[in-house]
Amino acid sequence: MFYINIKVPYCGHFWHFIMGEFLPVVYIMLRCKRNKYYLYNKNRKWGQCFDKFYKELGFNIEFTNNLPRHYLMANYIAWDYKWSFNEKQKCKIVVNFLKKKAIKLYGNKNNSLTNKILIQYRKTDKNLEQYFLNNNIADKLYGSSKRTFKDMDKIHTFIENSKYLYHDNLPLLQQIMFYLNENNLILEHGAGMVFILFMNHNSKILEIITPNKKREKNGAAQGANRLCYFKKAILSRVIIENNTSVLDHKDQIIKYL
């Protein structure tokens, strides 16, 4: 029986789930080619939040809190804070697998939005934030309430040929489809930057970010830097304070398009 040791009992942040768990775990499953995989954490309440994304992949997966007497166990290195050259190569394999799987499920993207400017519009996940409140860790609230910029939904008023993307409620592979063959993306700093992985190389990314996040030198806050370097994408940033209207910075935004 082949078990993969899932490190955390609860993963409620999309960035840490995808880069720190999901992609490395998928690589293990692709490499090991077992008939069945057991994802194990003795304290995890399975079926919450992002666990459903594993079920889209076509692998025979069972979630468990128990270990039998005899088993094989695989461990992984998370990619959410840093990754080595070898881990980047592993990521390429997983990204290509997910792209092919998405196309197989949802068809070829003949109606590509290429040359449009995608605007990623993310909303607060009230159910997830309520989870943190209920567990007395309100200081660790994730989601858009931690870095909200006003009027993100009005950027289209001064940018022609743009397309809003809101897809948090969709299956992961369907979300990936929005980014295939695309070259231009505007987004708030946040976990949605993982979708840069599925865009074309040499894309243009504009990240709207707060000063405190811009100053951080390590960790997930600099994830867009690492992803853009990985994809040879051009990253520009507009730095504004929380709760500031993006309309007040439209000249800066237009400058980078």
C-alpha atoms as a PDB file:
ATOM      1  CA  MET A   1       0.000   0.000   0.000  1.00  0.00           C
ATOM      2  CA  PHE A   2       1.509   3.302  -1.126  1.00  0.00           C
ATOM      3  CA  TYR A   3       1.026   6.337   1.114  1.00  0.00           C
ATOM      4  CA  ILE A   4       1.964   9.964   0.534  1.00  0.00           C
ATOM      5  CA  ASN A   5       2.606  11.842   3.750  1.00  0.00           C
ATOM      6  CA  ILE A   6       0.594  15.081   3.579  1.00  0.00           C
ATOM      7  CA  LYS A   7       2.410  17.536   5.814  1.00  0.00           C
ATOM      8  CA  VAL A   8      -0.283  19.813   7.187  1.00  0.00           C
ATOM      9  CA  PRO A   9      -3.556  18.935   8.957  1.00  0.00           C
ATOM     10  CA  TYR A  10      -5.360  21.796   7.229  1.00  0.00           C
ATOM     11  CA  CYS A  11      -4.359  23.829   4.205  1.00  0.00           C
ATOM     12  CA  GLY A  12      -6.636  26.831   3.813  1.00  0.00           C
ATOM     13  CA  HIS A  13      -4.554  29.024   1.521  1.00  0.00           C
ATOM     14  CA  PHE A  14      -4.653  28.396  -2.213  1.00  0.00           C
ATOM     15  CA  TRP A  15      -0.998  29.354  -2.797  1.00  0.00           C
ATOM     16  CA  HIS A  16       0.344  27.077  -0.067  1.00  0.00           C
ATOM     17  CA  PHE A  17      -1.965  24.277  -1.135  1.00  0.00           C
ATOM     18  CA  ILE A  18      -1.043  24.389  -4.827  1.00  0.00           C
ATOM     19  CA  MET A  19       2.685  25.126  -4.571  1.00  0.00           C
ATOM     20  CA  GLY A  20       3.353  23.607  -1.167  1.00  0.00           C
ATOM     21  CA  GLU A  21       1.342  20.420  -1.526  1.00  0.00           C
ATOM     22  CA  PHE A  22      -0.729  19.756  -4.635  1.00  0.00           C
ATOM     23  CA  LEU A  23       1.901  20.095  -7.371  1.00  0.00           C
ATOM     24  CA  PRO A  24       4.624  18.136  -5.490  1.00  0.00           C
ATOM     25  CA  VAL A  25       2.116  15.394  -4.611  1.00  0.00           C
ATOM     26  CA  VAL A  26       0.895  15.126  -8.207  1.00  0.00           C
ATOM     27  CA  TYR A  27       4.516  14.744  -9.314  1.00  0.00           C
ATOM     28  CA  ILE A  28       4.931  11.790  -6.934  1.00  0.00           C
ATOM     29  CA  MET A  29       1.834  10.125  -8.365  1.00  0.00           C
ATOM     30  CA  LEU A  30       3.030  10.666 -11.930  1.00  0.00           C
ATOM     31  CA  ARG A  31       6.460   9.287 -11.124  1.00  0.00           C
ATOM     32  CA  CYS A  32       5.431   6.258  -9.053  1.00  0.00           C
ATOM     33  CA  LYS A  33       2.576   5.031 -11.262  1.00  0.00           C
ATOM     34  CA  ARG A  34       0.748   3.033  -8.600  1.00  0.00           C
ATOM     35  CA  ASN A  35      -2.700   1.523  -8.926  1.00  0.00           C
ATOM     36  CA  LYS A  36      -3.841   3.388  -5.825  1.00  0.00           C
ATOM     37  CA  TYR A  37      -2.558   6.265  -3.693  1.00  0.00           C
ATOM     38  CA  TYR A  38      -3.369   6.928  -0.058  1.00  0.00           C
ATOM     39  CA  LEU A  39      -3.000  10.558   1.014  1.00  0.00           C
ATOM     40  CA  TYR A  40      -2.266  10.434   4.730  1.00  0.00           C
ATOM     41  CA  ASN A  41      -2.358  12.883   7.606  1.00  0.00           C
ATOM     42  CA  LYS A  42      -3.481  11.597  10.977  1.00  0.00           C
ATOM     43  CA  ASN A  43      -5.214  14.866  11.930  1.00  0.00           C
ATOM     44  CA  ARG A  44      -6.612  16.087   8.623  1.00  0.00           C
ATOM     45  CA  LYS A  45     -10.365  16.349   8.225  1.00  0.00           C
ATOM     46  CA  TRP A  46     -10.482  15.319   4.605  1.00  0.00           C
ATOM     47  CA  GLY A  47     -12.918  16.699   2.080  1.00  0.00           C
ATOM     48  CA  GLN A  48     -12.572  20.328   3.132  1.00  0.00           C
ATOM     49  CA  CYS A  49     -11.467  23.278   1.089  1.00  0.00           C
ATOM     50  CA  PHE A  50      -9.139  22.247  -1.765  1.00  0.00           C
ATOM     51  CA  ASP A  51      -8.986  18.450  -1.262  1.00  0.00           C
ATOM     52  CA  LYS A  52     -11.628  18.110  -3.989  1.00  0.00           C
ATOM     53  CA  PHE A  53      -9.052  19.132  -6.607  1.00  0.00           C
ATOM     54  CA  TYR A  54      -7.247  15.803  -6.211  1.00  0.00           C
ATOM     55  CA  LYS A  55     -10.349  13.971  -7.370  1.00  0.00           C
ATOM     56  CA  GLU A  56     -10.293  15.689 -10.767  1.00  0.00           C
ATOM     57  CA  LEU A  57      -7.064  14.058 -11.848  1.00  0.00           C
ATOM     58  CA  GLY A  58      -8.189  10.518 -12.638  1.00  0.00           C
ATOM     59  CA  PHE A  59      -5.909   8.839 -10.098  1.00  0.00           C
ATOM     60  CA  ASN A  60      -7.268   6.214  -7.719  1.00  0.00           C
ATOM     61  CA  ILE A  61      -6.949   8.234  -4.493  1.00  0.00           C
ATOM     62  CA  GLU A  62      -8.120   7.556  -0.961  1.00  0.00           C
ATOM     63  CA  PHE A  63      -7.804  10.049   1.881  1.00  0.00           C
ATOM     64  CA  THR A  64      -6.952   8.534   5.251  1.00  0.00           C
ATOM     65  CA  ASN A  65      -5.995   9.292   8.854  1.00  0.00           C
ATOM     66  CA  ASN A  66      -4.713   5.785   9.570  1.00  0.00           C
ATOM     67  CA  LEU A  67      -1.702   3.710   8.656  1.00  0.00           C
ATOM     68  CA  PRO A  68      -1.727  -0.083   8.294  1.00  0.00           C
ATOM     69  CA  ARG A  69       0.987  -2.298   9.708  1.00  0.00           C
ATOM     70  CA  HIS A  70       2.782  -2.595   6.379  1.00  0.00           C
ATOM     71  CA  TYR A  71       3.061   0.329   3.977  1.00  0.00           C
ATOM     72  CA  LEU A  72       5.359   2.392   1.774  1.00  0.00           C
ATOM     73  CA  MET A  73       5.552   6.106   2.513  1.00  0.00           C
ATOM     74  CA  ALA A  74       6.578   8.936   0.179  1.00  0.00           C
ATOM     75  CA  ASN A  75       7.462  12.452   1.322  1.00  0.00           C
ATOM     76  CA  TYR A  76       7.780  15.635  -0.718  1.00  0.00           C
ATOM     77  CA  ILE A  77       9.477  19.022  -0.603  1.00  0.00           C
ATOM     78  CA  ALA A  78       7.109  21.993  -0.763  1.00  0.00           C
ATOM     79  CA  TRP A  79       7.601  24.590  -3.510  1.00  0.00           C
ATOM     80  CA  ASP A  80       5.710  27.529  -1.997  1.00  0.00           C
ATOM     81  CA  TYR A  81       8.694  29.289  -0.390  1.00  0.00           C
ATOM     82  CA  LYS A  82      11.598  28.203  -2.564  1.00  0.00           C
ATOM     83  CA  TRP A  83      12.479  25.564  -5.105  1.00  0.00           C
ATOM     84  CA  SER A  84      15.651  24.102  -6.555  1.00  0.00           C
ATOM     85  CA  PHE A  85      16.470  23.643 -10.220  1.00  0.00           C
ATOM     86  CA  ASN A  86      15.421  19.981 -10.009  1.00  0.00           C
ATOM     87  CA  GLU A  87      12.112  20.926  -8.434  1.00  0.00           C
ATOM     88  CA  LYS A  88      11.448  23.419 -11.221  1.00  0.00           C
ATOM     89  CA  GLN A  89      11.903  20.614 -13.728  1.00  0.00           C
ATOM     90  CA  LYS A  90       9.431  18.506 -11.765  1.00  0.00           C
ATOM     91  CA  CYS A  91       7.000  21.420 -11.816  1.00  0.00           C
ATOM     92  CA  LYS A  92       7.225  21.597 -15.612  1.00  0.00           C
ATOM     93  CA  ILE A  93       6.188  17.956 -15.825  1.00  0.00           C
ATOM     94  CA  VAL A  94       3.192  18.510 -13.561  1.00  0.00           C
ATOM     95  CA  VAL A  95       2.112  21.708 -15.349  1.00  0.00           C
ATOM     96  CA  ASN A  96       2.192  19.953 -18.733  1.00  0.00           C
ATOM     97  CA  PHE A  97       0.182  17.054 -17.292  1.00  0.00           C
ATOM     98  CA  LEU A  98      -2.462  19.394 -15.860  1.00  0.00           C
ATOM     99  CA  LYS A  99      -2.715  21.365 -19.107  1.00  0.00           C
ATOM    100  CA  LYS A 100      -3.263  18.179 -21.120  1.00  0.00           C
ATOM    101  CA  LYS A 101      -5.765  16.885 -18.578  1.00  0.00           C
ATOM    102  CA  ALA A 102      -7.685  20.184 -18.668  1.00  0.00           C
ATOM    103  CA  ILE A 103      -7.843  20.154 -22.474  1.00  0.00           C
ATOM    104  CA  LYS A 104      -8.967  16.519 -22.485  1.00  0.00           C
ATOM    105  CA  LEU A 105     -11.821  17.300 -20.098  1.00  0.00           C
ATOM    106  CA  TYR A 106     -12.897  20.651 -21.495  1.00  0.00           C
ATOM    107  CA  GLY A 107     -11.837  20.493 -25.137  1.00  0.00           C
ATOM    108  CA  ASN A 108      -9.320  22.399 -27.198  1.00  0.00           C
ATOM    109  CA  LYS A 109      -9.346  26.111 -26.595  1.00  0.00           C
ATOM    110  CA  ASN A 110     -10.300  27.166 -30.100  1.00  0.00           C
ATOM    111  CA  ASN A 111     -11.929  30.307 -28.735  1.00  0.00           C
ATOM    112  CA  SER A 112      -8.664  31.513 -27.210  1.00  0.00           C
ATOM    113  CA  LEU A 113      -8.654  34.963 -25.669  1.00  0.00           C
ATOM    114  CA  THR A 114      -5.087  35.519 -26.823  1.00  0.00           C
ATOM    115  CA  ASN A 115      -4.158  39.208 -27.094  1.00  0.00           C
ATOM    116  CA  LYS A 116      -6.855  40.153 -24.617  1.00  0.00           C
ATOM    117  CA  ILE A 117      -5.771  41.504 -21.251  1.00  0.00           C
ATOM    118  CA  LEU A 118      -7.021  39.168 -18.557  1.00  0.00           C
ATOM    119  CA  ILE A 119      -8.040  40.797 -15.270  1.00  0.00           C
ATOM    120  CA  GLN A 120      -8.166  38.387 -12.381  1.00  0.00           C
ATOM    121  CA  TYR A 121     -10.974  39.337 -10.032  1.00  0.00           C
ATOM    122  CA  ARG A 122     -11.002  37.410  -6.766  1.00  0.00           C
ATOM    123  CA  LYS A 123     -13.537  37.625  -3.950  1.00  0.00           C
ATOM    124  CA  THR A 124     -13.450  36.940  -0.240  1.00  0.00           C
ATOM    125  CA  ASP A 125     -14.083  33.292   0.611  1.00  0.00           C
ATOM    126  CA  LYS A 126     -16.523  33.774   3.497  1.00  0.00           C
ATOM    127  CA  ASN A 127     -16.732  30.075   4.347  1.00  0.00           C
ATOM    128  CA  LEU A 128     -12.969  29.771   4.605  1.00  0.00           C
ATOM    129  CA  GLU A 129     -12.576  32.893   6.697  1.00  0.00           C
ATOM    130  CA  GLN A 130     -15.349  31.696   8.998  1.00  0.00           C
ATOM    131  CA  TYR A 131     -13.331  28.522   9.520  1.00  0.00           C
ATOM    132  CA  PHE A 132     -10.409  30.534  10.852  1.00  0.00           C
ATOM    133  CA  LEU A 133     -12.710  32.587  13.051  1.00  0.00           C
ATOM    134  CA  ASN A 134     -14.297  29.459  14.500  1.00  0.00           C
ATOM    135  CA  ASN A 135     -10.869  28.058  15.307  1.00  0.00           C
ATOM    136  CA  ASN A 136      -9.616  31.173  17.089  1.00  0.00           C
ATOM    137  CA  ILE A 137      -7.017  32.023  14.477  1.00  0.00           C
ATOM    138  CA  ALA A 138      -8.631  35.161  13.123  1.00  0.00           C
ATOM    139  CA  ASP A 139      -5.221  36.821  12.848  1.00  0.00           C
ATOM    140  CA  LYS A 140      -4.454  34.350  10.071  1.00  0.00           C
ATOM    141  CA  LEU A 141      -7.383  35.215   7.849  1.00  0.00           C
ATOM    142  CA  TYR A 142      -6.596  34.560   4.240  1.00  0.00           C
ATOM    143  CA  GLY A 143      -8.290  35.784   1.117  1.00  0.00           C
ATOM    144  CA  SER A 144      -9.040  39.140  -0.419  1.00  0.00           C
ATOM    145  CA  SER A 145      -9.829  40.776   2.937  1.00  0.00           C
ATOM    146  CA  LYS A 146      -6.080  40.786   3.660  1.00  0.00           C
ATOM    147  CA  ARG A 147      -5.226  42.912   0.625  1.00  0.00           C
ATOM    148  CA  THR A 148      -8.237  44.571  -0.873  1.00  0.00           C
ATOM    149  CA  PHE A 149      -7.989  47.279  -3.512  1.00  0.00           C
ATOM    150  CA  LYS A 150     -11.091  49.216  -4.383  1.00  0.00           C
ATOM    151  CA  ASP A 151     -12.563  49.255  -7.877  1.00  0.00           C
ATOM    152  CA  MET A 152     -10.745  46.235  -9.282  1.00  0.00           C
ATOM    153  CA  ASP A 153     -14.023  45.563 -11.074  1.00  0.00           C
ATOM    154  CA  LYS A 154     -13.769  48.915 -12.862  1.00  0.00           C
ATOM    155  CA  ILE A 155     -10.376  48.484 -14.523  1.00  0.00           C
ATOM    156  CA  HIS A 156     -12.119  47.652 -17.787  1.00  0.00           C
ATOM    157  CA  THR A 157     -13.368  51.249 -17.949  1.00  0.00           C
ATOM    158  CA  PHE A 158      -9.922  52.439 -18.988  1.00  0.00           C
ATOM    159  CA  ILE A 159      -8.466  49.296 -20.568  1.00  0.00           C
ATOM    160  CA  GLU A 160      -9.729  48.181 -23.936  1.00  0.00           C
ATOM    161  CA  ASN A 161      -9.765  44.569 -25.056  1.00  0.00           C
ATOM    162  CA  SER A 162      -9.910  43.212 -21.506  1.00  0.00           C
ATOM    163  CA  LYS A 163     -11.602  40.186 -19.978  1.00  0.00           C
ATOM    164  CA  TYR A 164     -12.519  39.661 -16.315  1.00  0.00           C
ATOM    165  CA  LEU A 165     -11.857  36.290 -14.752  1.00  0.00           C
ATOM    166  CA  TYR A 166     -13.664  35.125 -11.648  1.00  0.00           C
ATOM    167  CA  HIS A 167     -13.471  31.358 -11.310  1.00  0.00           C
ATOM    168  CA  ASP A 168     -12.898  30.444  -7.655  1.00  0.00           C
ATOM    169  CA  ASN A 169     -16.051  28.312  -7.614  1.00  0.00           C
ATOM    170  CA  LEU A 170     -15.007  26.125 -10.566  1.00  0.00           C
ATOM    171  CA  PRO A 171     -13.051  22.840 -10.718  1.00  0.00           C
ATOM    172  CA  LEU A 172      -9.318  23.485 -10.813  1.00  0.00           C
ATOM    173  CA  LEU A 173      -8.803  22.071 -14.301  1.00  0.00           C
ATOM    174  CA  GLN A 174     -11.565  24.293 -15.624  1.00  0.00           C
ATOM    175  CA  GLN A 175      -9.894  27.294 -13.976  1.00  0.00           C
ATOM    176  CA  ILE A 176      -6.638  26.401 -15.706  1.00  0.00           C
ATOM    177  CA  MET A 177      -8.371  26.552 -19.097  1.00  0.00           C
ATOM    178  CA  PHE A 178      -8.838  30.321 -18.798  1.00  0.00           C
ATOM    179  CA  TYR A 179      -5.070  30.852 -18.888  1.00  0.00           C
ATOM    180  CA  LEU A 180      -3.966  28.522 -21.660  1.00  0.00           C
ATOM    181  CA  ASN A 181      -2.372  30.379 -24.595  1.00  0.00           C
ATOM    182  CA  GLU A 182      -2.773  33.736 -22.849  1.00  0.00           C
ATOM    183  CA  ASN A 183      -0.149  36.493 -22.799  1.00  0.00           C
ATOM    184  CA  ASN A 184      -1.397  39.342 -20.584  1.00  0.00           C
ATOM    185  CA  LEU A 185      -2.643  39.325 -16.994  1.00  0.00           C
ATOM    186  CA  ILE A 186      -3.488  41.934 -14.354  1.00  0.00           C
ATOM    187  CA  LEU A 187      -3.978  40.650 -10.811  1.00  0.00           C
ATOM    188  CA  GLU A 188      -3.991  41.675  -7.196  1.00  0.00           C
ATOM    189  CA  HIS A 189      -1.173  40.213  -5.178  1.00  0.00           C
ATOM    190  CA  GLY A 190      -2.429  36.896  -3.891  1.00  0.00           C
ATOM    191  CA  ALA A 191      -2.700  33.179  -4.418  1.00  0.00           C
ATOM    192  CA  GLY A 192      -4.161  33.564  -7.908  1.00  0.00           C
ATOM    193  CA  MET A 193      -0.652  34.132  -9.193  1.00  0.00           C
ATOM    194  CA  VAL A 194      -0.261  30.336  -9.452  1.00  0.00           C
ATOM    195  CA  PHE A 195      -2.128  30.501 -12.762  1.00  0.00           C
ATOM    196  CA  ILE A 196       0.893  32.231 -14.309  1.00  0.00           C
ATOM    197  CA  LEU A 197       2.235  28.672 -14.574  1.00  0.00           C
ATOM    198  CA  PHE A 198      -0.310  27.894 -17.290  1.00  0.00           C
ATOM    199  CA  MET A 199       0.186  30.990 -19.446  1.00  0.00           C
ATOM    200  CA  ASN A 200       2.508  31.309 -22.414  1.00  0.00           C
ATOM    201  CA  HIS A 201       6.181  31.945 -21.901  1.00  0.00           C
ATOM    202  CA  ASN A 202       7.215  35.601 -22.210  1.00  0.00           C
ATOM    203  CA  SER A 203       3.808  36.803 -20.995  1.00  0.00           C
ATOM    204  CA  LYS A 204       3.284  40.240 -19.438  1.00  0.00           C
ATOM    205  CA  ILE A 205       2.100  40.212 -15.831  1.00  0.00           C
ATOM    206  CA  LEU A 206       1.013  43.303 -13.905  1.00  0.00           C
ATOM    207  CA  GLU A 207       0.694  42.750 -10.154  1.00  0.00           C
ATOM    208  CA  ILE A 208      -1.051  45.271  -7.916  1.00  0.00           C
ATOM    209  CA  ILE A 209       0.624  44.993  -4.541  1.00  0.00           C
ATOM    210  CA  THR A 210       0.877  46.766  -1.187  1.00  0.00           C
ATOM    211  CA  PRO A 211       4.169  48.336  -0.010  1.00  0.00           C
ATOM    212  CA  ASN A 212       4.659  45.859   2.833  1.00  0.00           C
ATOM    213  CA  LYS A 213       4.363  42.885   0.485  1.00  0.00           C
ATOM    214  CA  LYS A 214       6.707  44.511  -2.016  1.00  0.00           C
ATOM    215  CA  ARG A 215       9.363  44.919   0.689  1.00  0.00           C
ATOM    216  CA  GLU A 216       9.310  41.285   1.769  1.00  0.00           C
ATOM    217  CA  LYS A 217      12.358  39.507   0.400  1.00  0.00           C
ATOM    218  CA  ASN A 218      11.413  35.890   0.995  1.00  0.00           C
ATOM    219  CA  GLY A 219       8.434  33.621   1.185  1.00  0.00           C
ATOM    220  CA  ALA A 220       5.182  33.343  -0.677  1.00  0.00           C
ATOM    221  CA  ALA A 221       4.901  37.138  -0.954  1.00  0.00           C
ATOM    222  CA  GLN A 222       7.559  37.006  -3.641  1.00  0.00           C
ATOM    223  CA  GLY A 223       5.929  34.117  -5.444  1.00  0.00           C
ATOM    224  CA  ALA A 224       5.129  36.165  -8.545  1.00  0.00           C
ATOM    225  CA  ASN A 225       8.838  36.932  -8.932  1.00  0.00           C
ATOM    226  CA  ARG A 226       9.701  33.249  -8.900  1.00  0.00           C
ATOM    227  CA  LEU A 227       6.858  32.198 -11.183  1.00  0.00           C
ATOM    228  CA  CYS A 228       7.614  34.911 -13.738  1.00  0.00           C
ATOM    229  CA  TYR A 229      11.295  34.012 -13.761  1.00  0.00           C
ATOM    230  CA  PHE A 230      10.291  30.373 -14.232  1.00  0.00           C
ATOM    231  CA  LYS A 231       8.020  31.254 -17.183  1.00  0.00           C
ATOM    232  CA  LYS A 232      10.317  33.961 -18.586  1.00  0.00           C
ATOM    233  CA  ALA A 233       7.438  36.376 -18.101  1.00  0.00           C
ATOM    234  CA  ILE A 234       7.784  40.143 -17.707  1.00  0.00           C
ATOM    235  CA  LEU A 235       6.586  41.216 -14.251  1.00  0.00           C
ATOM    236  CA  SER A 236       5.617  44.821 -13.509  1.00  0.00           C
ATOM    237  CA  ARG A 237       4.120  46.133 -10.300  1.00  0.00           C
ATOM    238  CA  VAL A 238       1.897  48.990  -9.248  1.00  0.00           C
ATOM    239  CA  ILE A 239       2.391  49.596  -5.527  1.00  0.00           C
ATOM    240  CA  ILE A 240      -0.571  51.066  -3.666  1.00  0.00           C
ATOM    241  CA  GLU A 241      -1.954  50.977  -0.139  1.00  0.00           C
ATOM    242  CA  ASN A 242      -4.780  48.677   0.983  1.00  0.00           C
ATOM    243  CA  ASN A 243      -8.279  50.066   0.446  1.00  0.00           C
ATOM    244  CA  THR A 244      -6.979  52.460  -2.197  1.00  0.00           C
ATOM    245  CA  SER A 245      -8.907  52.761  -5.438  1.00  0.00           C
ATOM    246  CA  VAL A 246      -7.053  51.391  -8.446  1.00  0.00           C
ATOM    247  CA  LEU A 247      -8.735  54.130 -10.480  1.00  0.00           C
ATOM    248  CA  ASP A 248      -6.401  56.625  -8.794  1.00  0.00           C
ATOM    249  CA  HIS A 249      -3.490  54.730 -10.338  1.00  0.00           C
ATOM    250  CA  LYS A 250      -4.819  54.159 -13.822  1.00  0.00           C
ATOM    251  CA  ASP A 251      -1.949  56.063 -15.470  1.00  0.00           C
ATOM    252  CA  GLN A 252       0.547  53.701 -13.829  1.00  0.00           C
ATOM    253  CA  ILE A 253      -1.463  50.666 -14.867  1.00  0.00           C
ATOM    254  CA  ILE A 254      -1.790  51.828 -18.475  1.00  0.00           C
ATOM    255  CA  LYS A 255       1.947  52.558 -18.568  1.00  0.00           C
ATOM    256  CA  TYR A 256       2.820  48.875 -18.132  1.00  0.00           C
ATOM    257  CA  LEU A 257       0.348  47.427 -20.642  1.00  0.00           C
END
